[in-house]
Amino acid sequence: MGLVMADAMQQRGVRVSMWGPHQATVDQLHAERCVAGRLEGFRLDDDVCVTSDPSVVFAEATIALNAIPTQYI
């Protein structure tokens, strides 16, 4: 859900930064702009910042969207 929401906001001209807790996933998303096994054919726009450092994401944020997979709730 986080990838879809980031893409939807970015496509509407919102500057988007994504944070993730799993370094390997963040690294893959940052480098390849997709995550293996998720949303086949999807590619995250290069303008979306992807980081594991929350201070980067929240430094200039005016809104935060929390997308947690339901299996973790």
Protein backbone atom coordinates (compact mmCIF):
# COMPACT_ATOMS: atom_id res chain seq x y z
CA MET A 1 0.00 0.00 0.00
CA GLY A 2 2.87 2.38 0.74
CA LEU A 3 4.22 2.09 -2.80
CA VAL A 4 0.80 2.73 -4.32
CA MET A 5 0.14 5.73 -2.07
CA ALA A 6 3.59 7.20 -2.73
CA ASP A 7 3.04 6.83 -6.47
CA ALA A 8 -0.46 8.36 -6.32
CA MET A 9 0.77 11.40 -4.41
CA GLN A 10 3.86 11.86 -6.57
CA GLN A 11 1.77 11.68 -9.75
CA ARG A 12 -0.29 14.57 -8.36
CA GLY A 13 2.76 16.76 -7.85
CA VAL A 14 3.37 16.12 -4.15
CA ARG A 15 7.01 15.77 -3.12
CA VAL A 16 7.22 12.29 -1.57
CA SER A 17 9.76 10.69 0.74
CA MET A 18 9.45 7.08 1.88
CA TRP A 19 10.92 5.52 5.00
CA GLY A 20 11.24 1.80 5.63
CA PRO A 21 12.51 -0.21 8.61
CA HIS A 22 14.12 -3.04 6.63
CA GLN A 23 17.45 -1.87 5.21
CA ALA A 24 17.66 -4.53 2.48
CA THR A 25 14.21 -3.60 1.16
CA VAL A 26 14.99 0.12 1.31
CA ASP A 27 18.27 -0.45 -0.54
CA GLN A 28 16.54 -2.49 -3.25
CA LEU A 29 13.75 0.06 -3.68
CA HIS A 30 16.25 2.93 -3.80
CA ALA A 31 18.45 1.20 -6.40
CA GLU A 32 15.89 -0.59 -8.56
CA ARG A 33 12.75 1.51 -7.86
CA CYS A 34 10.79 -1.71 -7.29
CA VAL A 35 10.63 -4.55 -4.78
CA ALA A 36 10.85 -8.14 -5.99
CA GLY A 37 7.58 -10.00 -5.56
CA ARG A 38 5.47 -6.87 -5.05
CA LEU A 39 3.34 -5.14 -7.66
CA GLU A 40 4.73 -6.81 -10.76
CA GLY A 41 5.47 -4.23 -13.45
CA PHE A 42 5.41 -1.32 -10.99
CA ARG A 43 8.32 1.14 -10.91
CA LEU A 44 8.58 3.93 -8.36
CA ASP A 45 9.36 7.30 -9.91
CA ASP A 46 12.95 8.51 -9.53
CA ASP A 47 11.70 11.70 -7.83
CA VAL A 48 10.50 9.75 -4.78
CA CYS A 49 13.11 9.81 -2.00
CA VAL A 50 13.61 6.37 -0.41
CA THR A 51 15.56 6.14 2.85
CA SER A 52 15.89 4.26 6.12
CA ASP A 53 16.65 7.52 7.95
CA PRO A 54 13.45 8.92 9.49
CA SER A 55 15.06 12.32 10.07
CA VAL A 56 15.37 12.73 6.28
CA VAL A 57 11.71 11.85 5.74
CA PHE A 58 10.27 14.01 8.51
CA ALA A 59 12.61 17.01 8.27
CA GLU A 60 10.31 18.98 5.97
CA ALA A 61 7.16 16.86 6.05
CA THR A 62 3.81 18.61 6.22
CA ILE A 63 1.85 15.35 6.25
CA ALA A 64 2.73 11.77 7.15
CA LEU A 65 0.91 8.76 5.76
CA ASN A 66 1.39 5.51 7.63
CA ALA A 67 0.88 2.39 5.49
CA ILE A 68 1.25 -0.72 7.63
CA PRO A 69 0.44 -4.13 6.15
CA THR A 70 -2.50 -5.60 8.05
CA GLN A 71 -0.53 -8.70 9.05
CA TYR A 72 1.57 -6.43 11.30
CA ILE A 73 -1.35 -4.73 13.07
